[in-house]
Amino acid sequence: RLEDCFRLYEEYSAGDRERIQWLMEVLPEGMEMDLTRF
């Protein structure tokens, strides 16, 4: 359902999209750290 998630995301206000964009820029750093550090 990933495509549906992104279609819903496109409907959000510019402010909400910016806040989600910020989160999804930072949060995967920890996942990348898991993959590279371990």
PDB file of all heavy atoms in Angstrom:
ATOM      1  N   ARG A   1       0.800  -1.222   0.000  1.00  0.00           N
ATOM      2  CA  ARG A   1       0.000   0.000   0.000  1.00  0.00           C
ATOM      3  C   ARG A   1       0.844   1.289   0.000  1.00  0.00           C
ATOM      4  O   ARG A   1       0.329   2.367   0.270  1.00  0.00           O
ATOM      5  CB  ARG A   1      -0.917   0.003   1.229  1.00  0.00           C
ATOM      6  CG  ARG A   1      -1.879  -1.173   1.300  1.00  0.00           C
ATOM      7  CD  ARG A   1      -2.907  -1.151   0.175  1.00  0.00           C
ATOM      8  NE  ARG A   1      -3.715   0.043   0.219  1.00  0.00           N
ATOM      9  CZ  ARG A   1      -4.794   0.206   1.000  1.00  0.00           C
ATOM     10  NH1 ARG A   1      -5.171  -0.772   1.806  1.00  0.00           N
ATOM     11  NH2 ARG A   1      -5.485   1.316   0.971  1.00  0.00           N
ATOM     12  N   LEU A   2       2.115   1.146  -0.304  1.00  0.00           N
ATOM     13  CA  LEU A   2       3.026   2.292  -0.258  1.00  0.00           C
ATOM     14  C   LEU A   2       2.592   3.417  -1.202  1.00  0.00           C
ATOM     15  O   LEU A   2       2.653   4.602  -0.844  1.00  0.00           O
ATOM     16  CB  LEU A   2       4.448   1.825  -0.599  1.00  0.00           C
ATOM     17  CG  LEU A   2       5.615   2.551   0.047  1.00  0.00           C
ATOM     18  CD1 LEU A   2       5.405   2.773   1.535  1.00  0.00           C
ATOM     19  CD2 LEU A   2       6.919   1.796  -0.207  1.00  0.00           C
ATOM     20  N   GLU A   3       2.138   3.052  -2.387  1.00  0.00           N
ATOM     21  CA  GLU A   3       1.679   4.088  -3.330  1.00  0.00           C
ATOM     22  C   GLU A   3       0.488   4.858  -2.751  1.00  0.00           C
ATOM     23  O   GLU A   3       0.409   6.083  -2.882  1.00  0.00           O
ATOM     24  CB  GLU A   3       1.303   3.460  -4.669  1.00  0.00           C
ATOM     25  CG  GLU A   3       2.494   3.025  -5.499  1.00  0.00           C
ATOM     26  CD  GLU A   3       2.075   2.495  -6.860  1.00  0.00           C
ATOM     27  OE1 GLU A   3       1.689   3.311  -7.710  1.00  0.00           O
ATOM     28  OE2 GLU A   3       2.120   1.261  -7.056  1.00  0.00           O
ATOM     29  N   ASP A   4      -0.417   4.138  -2.085  1.00  0.00           N
ATOM     30  CA  ASP A   4      -1.573   4.802  -1.461  1.00  0.00           C
ATOM     31  C   ASP A   4      -1.116   5.774  -0.385  1.00  0.00           C
ATOM     32  O   ASP A   4      -1.684   6.859  -0.220  1.00  0.00           O
ATOM     33  CB  ASP A   4      -2.522   3.763  -0.847  1.00  0.00           C
ATOM     34  CG  ASP A   4      -3.189   2.896  -1.898  1.00  0.00           C
ATOM     35  OD1 ASP A   4      -3.334   3.370  -3.036  1.00  0.00           O
ATOM     36  OD2 ASP A   4      -3.555   1.753  -1.581  1.00  0.00           O
ATOM     37  N   CYS A   5      -0.081   5.382   0.370  1.00  0.00           N
ATOM     38  CA  CYS A   5       0.458   6.272   1.411  1.00  0.00           C
ATOM     39  C   CYS A   5       0.961   7.571   0.788  1.00  0.00           C
ATOM     40  O   CYS A   5       0.694   8.661   1.298  1.00  0.00           O
ATOM     41  CB  CYS A   5       1.605   5.580   2.158  1.00  0.00           C
ATOM     42  SG  CYS A   5       1.098   4.228   3.244  1.00  0.00           S
ATOM     43  N   PHE A   6       1.688   7.450  -0.308  1.00  0.00           N
ATOM     44  CA  PHE A   6       2.232   8.648  -0.947  1.00  0.00           C
ATOM     45  C   PHE A   6       1.137   9.500  -1.592  1.00  0.00           C
ATOM     46  O   PHE A   6       1.236  10.729  -1.611  1.00  0.00           O
ATOM     47  CB  PHE A   6       3.302   8.277  -1.980  1.00  0.00           C
ATOM     48  CG  PHE A   6       4.656   8.063  -1.358  1.00  0.00           C
ATOM     49  CD1 PHE A   6       5.156   6.779  -1.142  1.00  0.00           C
ATOM     50  CD2 PHE A   6       5.439   9.143  -0.973  1.00  0.00           C
ATOM     51  CE1 PHE A   6       6.400   6.586  -0.563  1.00  0.00           C
ATOM     52  CE2 PHE A   6       6.690   8.961  -0.386  1.00  0.00           C
ATOM     53  CZ  PHE A   6       7.168   7.681  -0.184  1.00  0.00           C
ATOM     54  N   ARG A   7       0.078   8.865  -2.083  1.00  0.00           N
ATOM     55  CA  ARG A   7      -1.025   9.654  -2.669  1.00  0.00           C
ATOM     56  C   ARG A   7      -1.731  10.465  -1.575  1.00  0.00           C
ATOM     57  O   ARG A   7      -2.141  11.607  -1.787  1.00  0.00           O
ATOM     58  CB  ARG A   7      -2.004   8.741  -3.409  1.00  0.00           C
ATOM     59  CG  ARG A   7      -1.379   8.121  -4.646  1.00  0.00           C
ATOM     60  CD  ARG A   7      -2.351   7.467  -5.597  1.00  0.00           C
ATOM     61  NE  ARG A   7      -1.621   6.638  -6.557  1.00  0.00           N
ATOM     62  CZ  ARG A   7      -0.931   7.091  -7.595  1.00  0.00           C
ATOM     63  NH1 ARG A   7      -0.872   8.396  -7.820  1.00  0.00           N
ATOM     64  NH2 ARG A   7      -0.294   6.269  -8.403  1.00  0.00           N
ATOM     65  N   LEU A   8      -1.869   9.870  -0.407  1.00  0.00           N
ATOM     66  CA  LEU A   8      -2.464  10.584   0.723  1.00  0.00           C
ATOM     67  C   LEU A   8      -1.548  11.734   1.160  1.00  0.00           C
ATOM     68  O   LEU A   8      -2.007  12.851   1.427  1.00  0.00           O
ATOM     69  CB  LEU A   8      -2.701   9.613   1.887  1.00  0.00           C
ATOM     70  CG  LEU A   8      -3.381  10.172   3.134  1.00  0.00           C
ATOM     71  CD1 LEU A   8      -4.753  10.750   2.800  1.00  0.00           C
ATOM     72  CD2 LEU A   8      -3.515   9.074   4.195  1.00  0.00           C
ATOM     73  N   TYR A   9      -0.262  11.461   1.205  1.00  0.00           N
ATOM     74  CA  TYR A   9       0.752  12.469   1.566  1.00  0.00           C
ATOM     75  C   TYR A   9       0.669  13.685   0.632  1.00  0.00           C
ATOM     76  O   TYR A   9       0.779  14.827   1.067  1.00  0.00           O
ATOM     77  CB  TYR A   9       2.114  11.794   1.504  1.00  0.00           C
ATOM     78  CG  TYR A   9       3.329  12.685   1.472  1.00  0.00           C
ATOM     79  CD1 TYR A   9       3.772  13.346   2.603  1.00  0.00           C
ATOM     80  CD2 TYR A   9       4.066  12.828   0.284  1.00  0.00           C
ATOM     81  CE1 TYR A   9       4.916  14.136   2.577  1.00  0.00           C
ATOM     82  CE2 TYR A   9       5.200  13.606   0.247  1.00  0.00           C
ATOM     83  CZ  TYR A   9       5.626  14.265   1.389  1.00  0.00           C
ATOM     84  OH  TYR A   9       6.759  15.042   1.356  1.00  0.00           O
ATOM     85  N   GLU A  10       0.439  13.426  -0.652  1.00  0.00           N
ATOM     86  CA  GLU A  10       0.343  14.519  -1.635  1.00  0.00           C
ATOM     87  C   GLU A  10      -0.839  15.446  -1.355  1.00  0.00           C
ATOM     88  O   GLU A  10      -0.834  16.606  -1.758  1.00  0.00           O
ATOM     89  CB  GLU A  10       0.210  13.956  -3.051  1.00  0.00           C
ATOM     90  CG  GLU A  10       1.501  13.398  -3.620  1.00  0.00           C
ATOM     91  CD  GLU A  10       1.379  13.062  -5.104  1.00  0.00           C
ATOM     92  OE1 GLU A  10       0.407  12.378  -5.471  1.00  0.00           O
ATOM     93  OE2 GLU A  10       2.252  13.469  -5.880  1.00  0.00           O
ATOM     94  N   GLU A  11      -1.854  14.918  -0.652  1.00  0.00           N
ATOM     95  CA  GLU A  11      -3.046  15.725  -0.356  1.00  0.00           C
ATOM     96  C   GLU A  11      -2.854  16.641   0.853  1.00  0.00           C
ATOM     97  O   GLU A  11      -3.674  17.525   1.095  1.00  0.00           O
ATOM     98  CB  GLU A  11      -4.246  14.800  -0.103  1.00  0.00           C
ATOM     99  CG  GLU A  11      -4.700  14.010  -1.322  1.00  0.00           C
ATOM    100  CD  GLU A  11      -5.791  13.011  -0.974  1.00  0.00           C
ATOM    101  OE1 GLU A  11      -6.372  13.124   0.142  1.00  0.00           O
ATOM    102  OE2 GLU A  11      -6.057  12.115  -1.795  1.00  0.00           O
ATOM    103  N   TYR A  12      -1.799  16.429   1.617  1.00  0.00           N
ATOM    104  CA  TYR A  12      -1.597  17.215   2.835  1.00  0.00           C
ATOM    105  C   TYR A  12      -1.149  18.640   2.515  1.00  0.00           C
ATOM    106  O   TYR A  12      -0.652  18.919   1.418  1.00  0.00           O
ATOM    107  CB  TYR A  12      -0.555  16.541   3.735  1.00  0.00           C
ATOM    108  CG  TYR A  12      -1.079  15.337   4.493  1.00  0.00           C
ATOM    109  CD1 TYR A  12      -0.236  14.576   5.297  1.00  0.00           C
ATOM    110  CD2 TYR A  12      -2.416  14.940   4.415  1.00  0.00           C
ATOM    111  CE1 TYR A  12      -0.711  13.477   6.003  1.00  0.00           C
ATOM    112  CE2 TYR A  12      -2.879  13.852   5.112  1.00  0.00           C
ATOM    113  CZ  TYR A  12      -2.034  13.123   5.890  1.00  0.00           C
ATOM    114  OH  TYR A  12      -2.506  12.038   6.585  1.00  0.00           O
ATOM    115  N   SER A  13      -1.301  19.518   3.477  1.00  0.00           N
ATOM    116  CA  SER A  13      -0.875  20.911   3.304  1.00  0.00           C
ATOM    117  C   SER A  13       0.640  20.975   3.134  1.00  0.00           C
ATOM    118  O   SER A  13       1.359  20.060   3.542  1.00  0.00           O
ATOM    119  CB  SER A  13      -1.282  21.739   4.527  1.00  0.00           C
ATOM    120  OG  SER A  13      -0.502  21.351   5.653  1.00  0.00           O
ATOM    121  N   ALA A  14       1.115  22.077   2.572  1.00  0.00           N
ATOM    122  CA  ALA A  14       2.558  22.253   2.367  1.00  0.00           C
ATOM    123  C   ALA A  14       3.307  22.163   3.704  1.00  0.00           C
ATOM    124  O   ALA A  14       4.380  21.559   3.790  1.00  0.00           O
ATOM    125  CB  ALA A  14       2.837  23.590   1.685  1.00  0.00           C
ATOM    126  N   GLY A  15       2.727  22.739   4.775  1.00  0.00           N
ATOM    127  CA  GLY A  15       3.363  22.710   6.093  1.00  0.00           C
ATOM    128  C   GLY A  15       3.506  21.302   6.628  1.00  0.00           C
ATOM    129  O   GLY A  15       4.562  20.924   7.151  1.00  0.00           O
ATOM    130  N   ASP A  16       2.430  20.508   6.491  1.00  0.00           N
ATOM    131  CA  ASP A  16       2.488  19.125   6.980  1.00  0.00           C
ATOM    132  C   ASP A  16       3.479  18.303   6.175  1.00  0.00           C
ATOM    133  O   ASP A  16       4.225  17.489   6.723  1.00  0.00           O
ATOM    134  CB  ASP A  16       1.098  18.475   6.928  1.00  0.00           C
ATOM    135  CG  ASP A  16       0.208  18.925   8.079  1.00  0.00           C
ATOM    136  OD1 ASP A  16       0.744  19.532   9.033  1.00  0.00           O
ATOM    137  OD2 ASP A  16      -1.006  18.677   8.022  1.00  0.00           O
ATOM    138  N   ARG A  17       3.516  18.513   4.858  1.00  0.00           N
ATOM    139  CA  ARG A  17       4.484  17.784   4.029  1.00  0.00           C
ATOM    140  C   ARG A  17       5.920  18.145   4.420  1.00  0.00           C
ATOM    141  O   ARG A  17       6.783  17.281   4.510  1.00  0.00           O
ATOM    142  CB  ARG A  17       4.254  18.076   2.541  1.00  0.00           C
ATOM    143  CG  ARG A  17       3.045  17.349   1.949  1.00  0.00           C
ATOM    144  CD  ARG A  17       3.109  17.244   0.440  1.00  0.00           C
ATOM    145  NE  ARG A  17       3.374  18.527  -0.198  1.00  0.00           N
ATOM    146  CZ  ARG A  17       2.459  19.438  -0.509  1.00  0.00           C
ATOM    147  NH1 ARG A  17       1.178  19.192  -0.235  1.00  0.00           N
ATOM    148  NH2 ARG A  17       2.786  20.572  -1.093  1.00  0.00           N
ATOM    149  N   GLU A  18       6.153  19.416   4.696  1.00  0.00           N
ATOM    150  CA  GLU A  18       7.501  19.847   5.109  1.00  0.00           C
ATOM    151  C   GLU A  18       7.925  19.185   6.415  1.00  0.00           C
ATOM    152  O   GLU A  18       9.072  18.768   6.572  1.00  0.00           O
ATOM    153  CB  GLU A  18       7.548  21.373   5.271  1.00  0.00           C
ATOM    154  CG  GLU A  18       7.730  22.126   3.974  1.00  0.00           C
ATOM    155  CD  GLU A  18       7.639  23.632   4.169  1.00  0.00           C
ATOM    156  OE1 GLU A  18       7.934  24.107   5.281  1.00  0.00           O
ATOM    157  OE2 GLU A  18       7.267  24.316   3.210  1.00  0.00           O
ATOM    158  N   ARG A  19       6.976  19.106   7.362  1.00  0.00           N
ATOM    159  CA  ARG A  19       7.309  18.479   8.644  1.00  0.00           C
ATOM    160  C   ARG A  19       7.608  16.988   8.460  1.00  0.00           C
ATOM    161  O   ARG A  19       8.547  16.452   9.057  1.00  0.00           O
ATOM    162  CB  ARG A  19       6.168  18.699   9.652  1.00  0.00           C
ATOM    163  CG  ARG A  19       6.142  20.115  10.229  1.00  0.00           C
ATOM    164  CD  ARG A  19       5.014  20.308  11.223  1.00  0.00           C
ATOM    165  NE  ARG A  19       3.741  20.599  10.573  1.00  0.00           N
ATOM    166  CZ  ARG A  19       3.342  21.819  10.195  1.00  0.00           C
ATOM    167  NH1 ARG A  19       4.130  22.857  10.409  1.00  0.00           N
ATOM    168  NH2 ARG A  19       2.175  22.007   9.621  1.00  0.00           N
ATOM    169  N   ILE A  20       6.822  16.313   7.617  1.00  0.00           N
ATOM    170  CA  ILE A  20       7.062  14.889   7.343  1.00  0.00           C
ATOM    171  C   ILE A  20       8.377  14.717   6.574  1.00  0.00           C
ATOM    172  O   ILE A  20       9.147  13.788   6.841  1.00  0.00           O
ATOM    173  CB  ILE A  20       5.873  14.267   6.582  1.00  0.00           C
ATOM    174  CG1 ILE A  20       4.613  14.265   7.474  1.00  0.00           C
ATOM    175  CG2 ILE A  20       6.202  12.837   6.131  1.00  0.00           C
ATOM    176  CD1 ILE A  20       3.334  13.858   6.772  1.00  0.00           C
ATOM    177  N   GLN A  21       8.654  15.618   5.655  1.00  0.00           N
ATOM    178  CA  GLN A  21       9.923  15.567   4.902  1.00  0.00           C
ATOM    179  C   GLN A  21      11.114  15.654   5.853  1.00  0.00           C
ATOM    180  O   GLN A  21      12.091  14.912   5.715  1.00  0.00           O
ATOM    181  CB  GLN A  21       9.992  16.727   3.891  1.00  0.00           C
ATOM    182  CG  GLN A  21       9.156  16.500   2.639  1.00  0.00           C
ATOM    183  CD  GLN A  21       8.990  17.773   1.807  1.00  0.00           C
ATOM    184  OE1 GLN A  21       9.464  18.846   2.174  1.00  0.00           O
ATOM    185  NE2 GLN A  21       8.303  17.650   0.690  1.00  0.00           N
ATOM    186  N   TRP A  22      11.030  16.558   6.830  1.00  0.00           N
ATOM    187  CA  TRP A  22      12.118  16.705   7.798  1.00  0.00           C
ATOM    188  C   TRP A  22      12.328  15.403   8.560  1.00  0.00           C
ATOM    189  O   TRP A  22      13.450  14.917   8.706  1.00  0.00           O
ATOM    190  CB  TRP A  22      11.808  17.851   8.771  1.00  0.00           C
ATOM    191  CG  TRP A  22      12.885  18.003   9.813  1.00  0.00           C
ATOM    192  CD1 TRP A  22      14.042  18.714   9.709  1.00  0.00           C
ATOM    193  CD2 TRP A  22      12.930  17.365  11.107  1.00  0.00           C
ATOM    194  NE1 TRP A  22      14.804  18.569  10.851  1.00  0.00           N
ATOM    195  CE2 TRP A  22      14.153  17.749  11.725  1.00  0.00           C
ATOM    196  CE3 TRP A  22      12.061  16.527  11.805  1.00  0.00           C
ATOM    197  CZ2 TRP A  22      14.514  17.330  13.007  1.00  0.00           C
ATOM    198  CZ3 TRP A  22      12.435  16.091  13.072  1.00  0.00           C
ATOM    199  CH2 TRP A  22      13.644  16.492  13.664  1.00  0.00           C
ATOM    200  N   LEU A  23      11.225  14.820   9.048  1.00  0.00           N
ATOM    201  CA  LEU A  23      11.315  13.578   9.804  1.00  0.00           C
ATOM    202  C   LEU A  23      11.957  12.474   8.970  1.00  0.00           C
ATOM    203  O   LEU A  23      12.832  11.749   9.444  1.00  0.00           O
ATOM    204  CB  LEU A  23       9.923  13.131  10.265  1.00  0.00           C
ATOM    205  CG  LEU A  23       9.872  11.805  11.031  1.00  0.00           C
ATOM    206  CD1 LEU A  23      10.526  11.951  12.406  1.00  0.00           C
ATOM    207  CD2 LEU A  23       8.447  11.299  11.165  1.00  0.00           C
ATOM    208  N   MET A  24      11.525  12.366   7.706  1.00  0.00           N
ATOM    209  CA  MET A  24      11.998  11.279   6.860  1.00  0.00           C
ATOM    210  C   MET A  24      13.387  11.533   6.290  1.00  0.00           C
ATOM    211  O   MET A  24      13.961  10.664   5.637  1.00  0.00           O
ATOM    212  CB  MET A  24      10.981  10.997   5.744  1.00  0.00           C
ATOM    213  CG  MET A  24       9.655  10.474   6.264  1.00  0.00           C
ATOM    214  SD  MET A  24       9.817   9.084   7.440  1.00  0.00           S
ATOM    215  CE  MET A  24      10.608   7.861   6.401  1.00  0.00           C
ATOM    216  N   GLU A  25      13.925  12.707   6.546  1.00  0.00           N
ATOM    217  CA  GLU A  25      15.327  12.972   6.248  1.00  0.00           C
ATOM    218  C   GLU A  25      16.201  12.505   7.412  1.00  0.00           C
ATOM    219  O   GLU A  25      17.277  11.928   7.226  1.00  0.00           O
ATOM    220  CB  GLU A  25      15.539  14.471   5.996  1.00  0.00           C
ATOM    221  CG  GLU A  25      16.988  14.888   5.766  1.00  0.00           C
ATOM    222  CD  GLU A  25      17.655  14.186   4.591  1.00  0.00           C
ATOM    223  OE1 GLU A  25      16.970  13.885   3.591  1.00  0.00           O
ATOM    224  OE2 GLU A  25      18.868  13.909   4.689  1.00  0.00           O
ATOM    225  N   VAL A  26      15.716  12.721   8.645  1.00  0.00           N
ATOM    226  CA  VAL A  26      16.531  12.434   9.839  1.00  0.00           C
ATOM    227  C   VAL A  26      16.394  10.976  10.300  1.00  0.00           C
ATOM    228  O   VAL A  26      17.394  10.299  10.569  1.00  0.00           O
ATOM    229  CB  VAL A  26      16.149  13.392  10.998  1.00  0.00           C
ATOM    230  CG1 VAL A  26      16.989  13.088  12.243  1.00  0.00           C
ATOM    231  CG2 VAL A  26      16.337  14.846  10.578  1.00  0.00           C
ATOM    232  N   LEU A  27      15.167  10.487  10.397  1.00  0.00           N
ATOM    233  CA  LEU A  27      14.912   9.148  10.957  1.00  0.00           C
ATOM    234  C   LEU A  27      15.692   8.026  10.259  1.00  0.00           C
ATOM    235  O   LEU A  27      16.262   7.161  10.944  1.00  0.00           O
ATOM    236  CB  LEU A  27      13.406   8.867  10.912  1.00  0.00           C
ATOM    237  CG  LEU A  27      12.855   7.719  11.743  1.00  0.00           C
ATOM    238  CD1 LEU A  27      12.999   8.000  13.238  1.00  0.00           C
ATOM    239  CD2 LEU A  27      11.389   7.478  11.402  1.00  0.00           C
ATOM    240  N   PRO A  28      15.768   8.016   8.917  1.00  0.00           N
ATOM    241  CA  PRO A  28      16.518   6.928   8.269  1.00  0.00           C
ATOM    242  C   PRO A  28      18.018   6.933   8.570  1.00  0.00           C
ATOM    243  O   PRO A  28      18.701   5.937   8.309  1.00  0.00           O
ATOM    244  CB  PRO A  28      16.260   7.176   6.764  1.00  0.00           C
ATOM    245  CG  PRO A  28      14.960   7.925   6.723  1.00  0.00           C
ATOM    246  CD  PRO A  28      15.006   8.820   7.926  1.00  0.00           C
ATOM    247  N   GLU A  29      18.533   8.032   9.140  1.00  0.00           N
ATOM    248  CA  GLU A  29      19.951   8.048   9.551  1.00  0.00           C
ATOM    249  C   GLU A  29      20.228   6.927  10.557  1.00  0.00           C
ATOM    250  O   GLU A  29      21.280   6.299  10.531  1.00  0.00           O
ATOM    251  CB  GLU A  29      20.303   9.406  10.192  1.00  0.00           C
ATOM    252  CG  GLU A  29      20.343  10.573   9.232  1.00  0.00           C
ATOM    253  CD  GLU A  29      21.656  10.673   8.464  1.00  0.00           C
ATOM    254  OE1 GLU A  29      22.616   9.973   8.850  1.00  0.00           O
ATOM    255  OE2 GLU A  29      21.692  11.418   7.479  1.00  0.00           O
ATOM    256  N   GLY A  30      19.271   6.703  11.469  1.00  0.00           N
ATOM    257  CA  GLY A  30      19.436   5.633  12.451  1.00  0.00           C
ATOM    258  C   GLY A  30      19.402   4.265  11.802  1.00  0.00           C
ATOM    259  O   GLY A  30      20.149   3.352  12.194  1.00  0.00           O
ATOM    260  N   MET A  31      18.535   4.113  10.785  1.00  0.00           N
ATOM    261  CA  MET A  31      18.445   2.829  10.085  1.00  0.00           C
ATOM    262  C   MET A  31      19.721   2.576   9.277  1.00  0.00           C
ATOM    263  O   MET A  31      20.228   1.447   9.219  1.00  0.00           O
ATOM    264  CB  MET A  31      17.213   2.836   9.178  1.00  0.00           C
ATOM    265  CG  MET A  31      15.918   3.004   9.958  1.00  0.00           C
ATOM    266  SD  MET A  31      14.548   3.532   8.914  1.00  0.00           S
ATOM    267  CE  MET A  31      13.363   4.047  10.172  1.00  0.00           C
ATOM    268  N   GLU A  32      20.242   3.657   8.687  1.00  0.00           N
ATOM    269  CA  GLU A  32      21.498   3.550   7.944  1.00  0.00           C
ATOM    270  C   GLU A  32      22.646   3.208   8.899  1.00  0.00           C
ATOM    271  O   GLU A  32      23.531   2.408   8.578  1.00  0.00           O
ATOM    272  CB  GLU A  32      21.784   4.875   7.222  1.00  0.00           C
ATOM    273  CG  GLU A  32      22.891   4.776   6.208  1.00  0.00           C
ATOM    274  CD  GLU A  32      22.986   6.013   5.336  1.00  0.00           C
ATOM    275  OE1 GLU A  32      21.942   6.537   4.894  1.00  0.00           O
ATOM    276  OE2 GLU A  32      24.120   6.458   5.112  1.00  0.00           O
ATOM    277  N   MET A  33      22.592   3.797  10.100  1.00  0.00           N
ATOM    278  CA  MET A  33      23.609   3.515  11.120  1.00  0.00           C
ATOM    279  C   MET A  33      23.567   2.034  11.505  1.00  0.00           C
ATOM    280  O   MET A  33      24.608   1.389  11.653  1.00  0.00           O
ATOM    281  CB  MET A  33      23.337   4.408  12.338  1.00  0.00           C
ATOM    282  CG  MET A  33      24.485   4.542  13.308  1.00  0.00           C
ATOM    283  SD  MET A  33      24.100   5.855  14.518  1.00  0.00           S
ATOM    284  CE  MET A  33      25.322   5.467  15.775  1.00  0.00           C
ATOM    285  N   ASP A  34      22.360   1.476  11.638  1.00  0.00           N
ATOM    286  CA  ASP A  34      22.225   0.049  11.941  1.00  0.00           C
ATOM    287  C   ASP A  34      22.875  -0.807  10.850  1.00  0.00           C
ATOM    288  O   ASP A  34      23.559  -1.793  11.134  1.00  0.00           O
ATOM    289  CB  ASP A  34      20.747  -0.338  12.055  1.00  0.00           C
ATOM    290  CG  ASP A  34      20.209  -0.220  13.479  1.00  0.00           C
ATOM    291  OD1 ASP A  34      21.003  -0.425  14.421  1.00  0.00           O
ATOM    292  OD2 ASP A  34      19.023   0.066  13.645  1.00  0.00           O
ATOM    293  N   LEU A  35      22.645  -0.431   9.594  1.00  0.00           N
ATOM    294  CA  LEU A  35      23.138  -1.234   8.477  1.00  0.00           C
ATOM    295  C   LEU A  35      24.657  -1.133   8.304  1.00  0.00           C
ATOM    296  O   LEU A  35      25.300  -2.090   7.886  1.00  0.00           O
ATOM    297  CB  LEU A  35      22.445  -0.802   7.179  1.00  0.00           C
ATOM    298  CG  LEU A  35      21.007  -1.284   7.001  1.00  0.00           C
ATOM    299  CD1 LEU A  35      20.348  -0.599   5.809  1.00  0.00           C
ATOM    300  CD2 LEU A  35      20.954  -2.798   6.825  1.00  0.00           C
ATOM    301  N   THR A  36      25.220   0.034   8.593  1.00  0.00           N
ATOM    302  CA  THR A  36      26.649   0.233   8.359  1.00  0.00           C
ATOM    303  C   THR A  36      27.492  -0.037   9.607  1.00  0.00           C
ATOM    304  O   THR A  36      28.612  -0.516   9.513  1.00  0.00           O
ATOM    305  CB  THR A  36      26.927   1.663   7.848  1.00  0.00           C
ATOM    306  OG1 THR A  36      26.380   2.612   8.781  1.00  0.00           O
ATOM    307  CG2 THR A  36      26.283   1.888   6.485  1.00  0.00           C
ATOM    308  N   ARG A  37      26.928   0.271  10.776  1.00  0.00           N
ATOM    309  CA  ARG A  37      27.681   0.123  12.037  1.00  0.00           C
ATOM    310  C   ARG A  37      27.710  -1.331  12.498  1.00  0.00           C
ATOM    311  O   ARG A  37      28.630  -1.754  13.202  1.00  0.00           O
ATOM    312  CB  ARG A  37      27.024   1.005  13.111  1.00  0.00           C
ATOM    313  CG  ARG A  37      27.837   1.193  14.383  1.00  0.00           C
ATOM    314  CD  ARG A  37      29.072   2.023  14.130  1.00  0.00           C
ATOM    315  NE  ARG A  37      29.873   2.171  15.332  1.00  0.00           N
ATOM    316  CZ  ARG A  37      30.649   1.236  15.854  1.00  0.00           C
ATOM    317  NH1 ARG A  37      30.724   0.046  15.280  1.00  0.00           N
ATOM    318  NH2 ARG A  37      31.381   1.478  16.936  1.00  0.00           N
ATOM    319  N   PHE A  38      26.674  -2.090  12.125  1.00  0.00           N
ATOM    320  CA  PHE A  38      26.577  -3.497  12.546  1.00  0.00           C
ATOM    321  C   PHE A  38      26.555  -4.392  11.306  1.00  0.00           C
ATOM    322  O   PHE A  38      25.481  -4.726  10.804  1.00  0.00           O
ATOM    323  CB  PHE A  38      25.312  -3.717  13.376  1.00  0.00           C
ATOM    324  CG  PHE A  38      25.220  -2.843  14.601  1.00  0.00           C
ATOM    325  CD1 PHE A  38      24.386  -1.733  14.624  1.00  0.00           C
ATOM    326  CD2 PHE A  38      25.981  -3.126  15.723  1.00  0.00           C
ATOM    327  CE1 PHE A  38      24.299  -0.924  15.748  1.00  0.00           C
ATOM    328  CE2 PHE A  38      25.904  -2.318  16.859  1.00  0.00           C
ATOM    329  CZ  PHE A  38      25.067  -1.220  16.867  1.00  0.00           C
TER     330      PHE A  38
END
